Amino acid sequence: PARPYLYQNYPNPFNPRTVISWQLPVSSAVKLSVYNIAGEQVATLANDRFPAGFHTVEWDASHLASAIYLYELKTMNFTQTRKMILMK
């Protein structure tokens, strides 16, 4: 890819686990965070340097309530946010 890309989580809606994937064109520091609809951070799924390529992380949200959550991928000069739904 020419730039980083954050894929839609799968499955969506989910209960209680989902997989989030992203792709990097070059090695980069990455922070992948999850926020509730009020904007409060509820999880950090990745906060490290990753090589170029395709990456995935599984998130277990069994401790959280059913709701819409936002997940955000941040690199040095790129940010992308997507929506996911936890339905219990």
Protein backbone atom coordinates (compact mmCIF):
# COMPACT_ATOMS: atom_id res chain seq x y z
CA PRO A 1 0.00 0.00 0.00
CA ALA A 2 1.04 3.60 -0.56
CA ARG A 3 -0.06 4.57 2.96
CA PRO A 4 -1.17 2.81 6.15
CA TYR A 5 -4.65 1.31 6.11
CA LEU A 6 -6.98 0.29 8.96
CA TYR A 7 -9.43 -2.48 8.04
CA GLN A 8 -12.95 -2.89 9.39
CA ASN A 9 -12.99 -5.24 12.37
CA TYR A 10 -14.38 -8.73 11.91
CA PRO A 11 -16.95 -9.78 12.90
CA ASN A 12 -18.95 -6.61 13.37
CA PRO A 13 -21.16 -6.61 15.40
CA PHE A 14 -19.20 -8.88 17.73
CA ASN A 15 -19.59 -10.71 21.05
CA PRO A 16 -17.19 -10.71 22.90
CA ARG A 17 -14.12 -10.99 20.59
CA THR A 18 -13.18 -9.30 17.36
CA VAL A 19 -10.13 -9.07 15.11
CA ILE A 20 -8.68 -5.74 14.00
CA SER A 21 -6.19 -5.60 11.12
CA TRP A 22 -4.00 -2.93 9.58
CA GLN A 23 -1.39 -2.66 6.88
CA LEU A 24 1.80 -0.58 6.80
CA PRO A 25 3.84 0.38 3.70
CA VAL A 26 7.01 0.89 5.81
CA SER A 27 8.15 0.09 9.34
CA SER A 28 6.44 2.48 11.74
CA ALA A 29 5.55 3.19 15.35
CA VAL A 30 1.87 2.28 15.78
CA LYS A 31 -0.70 3.00 18.44
CA LEU A 32 -4.04 1.21 18.19
CA SER A 33 -6.57 2.42 20.75
CA VAL A 34 -10.23 1.76 21.50
CA TYR A 35 -12.60 4.48 22.75
CA ASN A 36 -16.17 4.48 23.99
CA ILE A 37 -18.69 6.77 22.33
CA ALA A 38 -17.96 9.46 24.96
CA GLY A 39 -14.34 9.56 23.78
CA GLU A 40 -12.84 7.82 26.81
CA GLN A 41 -10.04 5.37 26.02
CA VAL A 42 -11.01 1.86 27.13
CA ALA A 43 -8.09 -0.16 25.68
CA THR A 44 -4.69 0.10 24.01
CA LEU A 45 -4.29 -2.86 21.66
CA ALA A 46 -0.89 -1.96 20.19
CA ASN A 47 1.77 0.57 21.13
CA ASP A 48 5.01 -0.50 19.50
CA ARG A 49 7.06 -0.39 16.31
CA PHE A 50 5.82 -2.74 13.58
CA PRO A 51 7.51 -3.78 10.33
CA ALA A 52 5.94 -3.11 6.93
CA GLY A 53 3.14 -5.54 6.11
CA PHE A 54 -0.17 -6.87 7.38
CA HIS A 55 -0.86 -7.06 11.13
CA THR A 56 -3.76 -8.27 13.25
CA VAL A 57 -4.76 -8.19 16.89
CA GLU A 58 -7.67 -9.91 18.64
CA TRP A 59 -9.61 -7.88 21.20
CA ASP A 60 -11.65 -9.47 23.99
CA ALA A 61 -14.29 -6.99 25.16
CA SER A 62 -16.11 -9.36 27.52
CA HIS A 63 -15.60 -6.94 30.43
CA LEU A 64 -17.38 -4.07 28.63
CA ALA A 65 -21.04 -3.25 28.08
CA SER A 66 -22.86 -3.49 24.76
CA ALA A 67 -22.23 -0.26 22.89
CA ILE A 68 -20.65 1.39 19.88
CA TYR A 69 -16.88 1.70 20.19
CA LEU A 70 -14.34 3.52 18.04
CA TYR A 71 -10.89 2.16 17.26
CA GLU A 72 -8.10 4.38 16.04
CA LEU A 73 -4.80 3.63 14.32
CA LYS A 74 -2.09 6.29 14.70
CA THR A 75 1.33 6.35 13.06
CA MET A 76 3.81 9.21 12.75
CA ASN A 77 1.80 11.04 10.06
CA PHE A 78 -1.42 9.04 9.67
CA THR A 79 -4.59 8.58 11.72
CA GLN A 80 -7.67 6.54 10.84
CA THR A 81 -10.72 5.73 12.96
CA ARG A 82 -13.47 3.14 12.47
CA LYS A 83 -16.63 2.15 14.33
CA MET A 84 -17.50 -1.26 15.79
CA ILE A 85 -20.48 -2.60 17.73
CA LEU A 86 -20.32 -4.86 20.78
CA MET A 87 -23.64 -6.70 21.21
CA LYS A 88 -24.07 -9.00 24.19
